[in-house]
Amino acid sequence: MRRRRRTGQAMLVAAGLLNLLPGVGLVAPGRASAAYGVDIAGADLETLMRHRALLLALVGGLAVLAAFRPRLRAAAIAVNAVSFGSFTVIALVTPAVNTELTRVAWADVAGLLVLSCGAVLLGREDT
């Protein structure tokens, strides 16, 4: 029982860190440019990308916190699943997505799998 909980928590933390990682773009937009393979030209696009970085950091941070706060888990799992899943779907339906964005989409698929496994392990905690 304890091992299952710890493994579930670790998976929730891992998924959260994957969503938290793009938060670096908030303070270093050049990192986002390299990670996504896009040219962040101009203040307008930089502002949008920094805002995206902040939102992803909040979503990821919620998952990390929820690993240790059971009351937050349902919301954190749902929000992180939407984050991972929505980007993956958008990347799939968008023609000619670059290599870096395809890599990010695959990372989101992995994040969704880790998140799902963690949710299953922690969901059994109540039984």
Protein backbone atom coordinates (compact mmCIF):
# COMPACT_ATOMS: atom_id res chain seq x y z
CA MET A 1 0.00 0.00 0.00
CA ARG A 2 2.75 2.46 0.94
CA ARG A 3 4.84 1.57 -2.10
CA ARG A 4 1.84 2.07 -4.39
CA ARG A 5 1.17 5.51 -2.88
CA ARG A 6 4.83 6.55 -3.18
CA THR A 7 4.99 5.36 -6.78
CA GLY A 8 1.76 7.20 -7.59
CA GLN A 9 3.10 10.36 -5.96
CA ALA A 10 6.36 10.06 -7.90
CA MET A 11 4.43 9.70 -11.15
CA LEU A 12 2.31 12.74 -10.36
CA VAL A 13 5.47 14.72 -9.56
CA ALA A 14 7.11 13.54 -12.82
CA ALA A 15 4.08 14.56 -14.88
CA GLY A 16 3.98 17.88 -13.05
CA LEU A 17 7.65 18.52 -13.73
CA LEU A 18 7.09 17.84 -17.42
CA ASN A 19 4.43 20.57 -17.47
CA LEU A 20 6.53 22.79 -15.19
CA LEU A 21 9.61 22.62 -17.41
CA PRO A 22 8.35 25.08 -20.07
CA GLY A 23 8.06 27.65 -17.27
CA VAL A 24 11.71 28.43 -17.97
CA GLY A 25 10.40 30.31 -21.00
CA LEU A 26 8.91 32.88 -18.67
CA VAL A 27 12.34 34.24 -17.79
CA ALA A 28 14.28 32.94 -20.80
CA PRO A 29 12.14 33.17 -23.95
CA GLY A 30 15.11 32.04 -26.04
CA ARG A 31 14.88 28.61 -24.42
CA ALA A 32 11.28 28.32 -25.58
CA SER A 33 12.34 29.27 -29.08
CA ALA A 34 14.88 26.45 -29.14
CA ALA A 35 12.57 23.91 -27.50
CA TYR A 36 9.69 24.55 -29.90
CA GLY A 37 11.75 25.24 -33.00
CA VAL A 38 10.02 28.53 -33.66
CA ASP A 39 11.33 32.05 -34.13
CA ILE A 40 9.89 34.25 -31.40
CA ALA A 41 10.07 37.46 -33.37
CA GLY A 42 8.76 40.58 -31.73
CA ALA A 43 7.36 41.60 -28.38
CA ASP A 44 3.84 40.37 -29.17
CA LEU A 45 4.80 36.75 -29.75
CA GLU A 46 7.29 36.85 -26.87
CA THR A 47 4.50 38.04 -24.56
CA LEU A 48 2.22 35.21 -25.69
CA MET A 49 4.95 32.61 -25.24
CA ARG A 50 5.88 33.92 -21.80
CA HIS A 51 2.21 33.77 -20.79
CA ARG A 52 2.04 30.18 -22.07
CA ALA A 53 5.13 29.37 -20.01
CA LEU A 54 3.51 30.81 -16.89
CA LEU A 55 0.29 28.85 -17.38
CA LEU A 56 2.14 25.59 -17.94
CA ALA A 57 4.25 26.25 -14.84
CA LEU A 58 1.07 26.76 -12.80
CA VAL A 59 -0.47 23.56 -14.17
CA GLY A 60 2.70 21.58 -13.47
CA GLY A 61 3.15 23.11 -10.04
CA LEU A 62 -0.39 22.11 -9.13
CA ALA A 63 0.38 18.48 -10.00
CA VAL A 64 3.54 18.49 -7.89
CA LEU A 65 1.65 19.98 -4.96
CA ALA A 66 -1.26 17.57 -5.43
CA ALA A 67 1.08 14.60 -5.13
CA PHE A 68 1.19 15.43 -1.42
CA ARG A 69 -2.26 17.05 -1.01
CA PRO A 70 -4.96 14.49 -1.78
CA ARG A 71 -7.74 17.10 -1.89
CA LEU A 72 -6.09 18.74 -4.90
CA ARG A 73 -5.49 15.56 -6.88
CA ALA A 74 -8.67 15.35 -8.92
CA ALA A 75 -8.35 18.93 -10.14
CA ALA A 76 -4.61 18.62 -10.76
CA ILE A 77 -4.97 15.38 -12.70
CA ALA A 78 -7.80 16.81 -14.81
CA VAL A 79 -5.98 20.05 -15.61
CA ASN A 80 -2.72 18.31 -16.45
CA ALA A 81 -4.52 15.74 -18.61
CA VAL A 82 -6.23 18.54 -20.55
CA SER A 83 -2.89 20.31 -20.96
CA PHE A 84 -1.09 17.22 -22.27
CA GLY A 85 -4.00 15.97 -24.37
CA SER A 86 -4.99 19.26 -25.95
CA PHE A 87 -1.51 20.05 -27.24
CA THR A 88 -1.18 16.53 -28.62
CA VAL A 89 -4.48 16.76 -30.48
CA ILE A 90 -3.71 20.23 -31.82
CA ALA A 91 -0.30 19.05 -33.04
CA LEU A 92 -1.88 16.01 -34.71
CA VAL A 93 -4.49 18.00 -36.63
CA THR A 94 -2.11 20.78 -37.67
CA PRO A 95 -0.40 20.03 -40.98
CA ALA A 96 3.38 20.33 -41.27
CA VAL A 97 4.26 20.71 -37.58
CA ASN A 98 8.03 21.02 -37.18
CA THR A 99 10.25 18.32 -35.65
CA GLU A 100 10.59 20.08 -32.29
CA LEU A 101 6.82 20.47 -31.85
CA THR A 102 6.34 16.83 -32.80
CA ARG A 103 8.87 15.93 -30.08
CA VAL A 104 6.93 18.06 -27.58
CA ALA A 105 3.70 16.31 -28.59
CA TRP A 106 5.30 12.91 -27.97
CA ALA A 107 6.59 14.13 -24.61
CA ASP A 108 3.02 15.13 -23.79
CA VAL A 109 1.81 11.65 -24.72
CA ALA A 110 4.40 10.22 -22.32
CA GLY A 111 3.32 12.74 -19.67
CA LEU A 112 -0.30 11.71 -20.12
CA LEU A 113 0.62 8.05 -19.66
CA VAL A 114 2.66 8.76 -16.52
CA LEU A 115 -0.12 10.98 -15.17
CA SER A 116 -2.71 8.29 -15.85
CA CYS A 117 -0.69 5.59 -14.11
CA GLY A 118 -0.15 7.87 -11.14
CA ALA A 119 -3.87 8.65 -11.00
CA VAL A 120 -4.74 4.95 -11.02
CA LEU A 121 -2.24 4.16 -8.26
CA LEU A 122 -3.37 7.08 -6.09
CA GLY A 123 -7.03 6.46 -6.85
CA ARG A 124 -6.78 3.00 -5.30
CA GLU A 125 -5.48 4.59 -2.12
CA ASP A 126 -9.03 5.23 -0.93
CA THR A 127 -10.11 1.60 -1.26
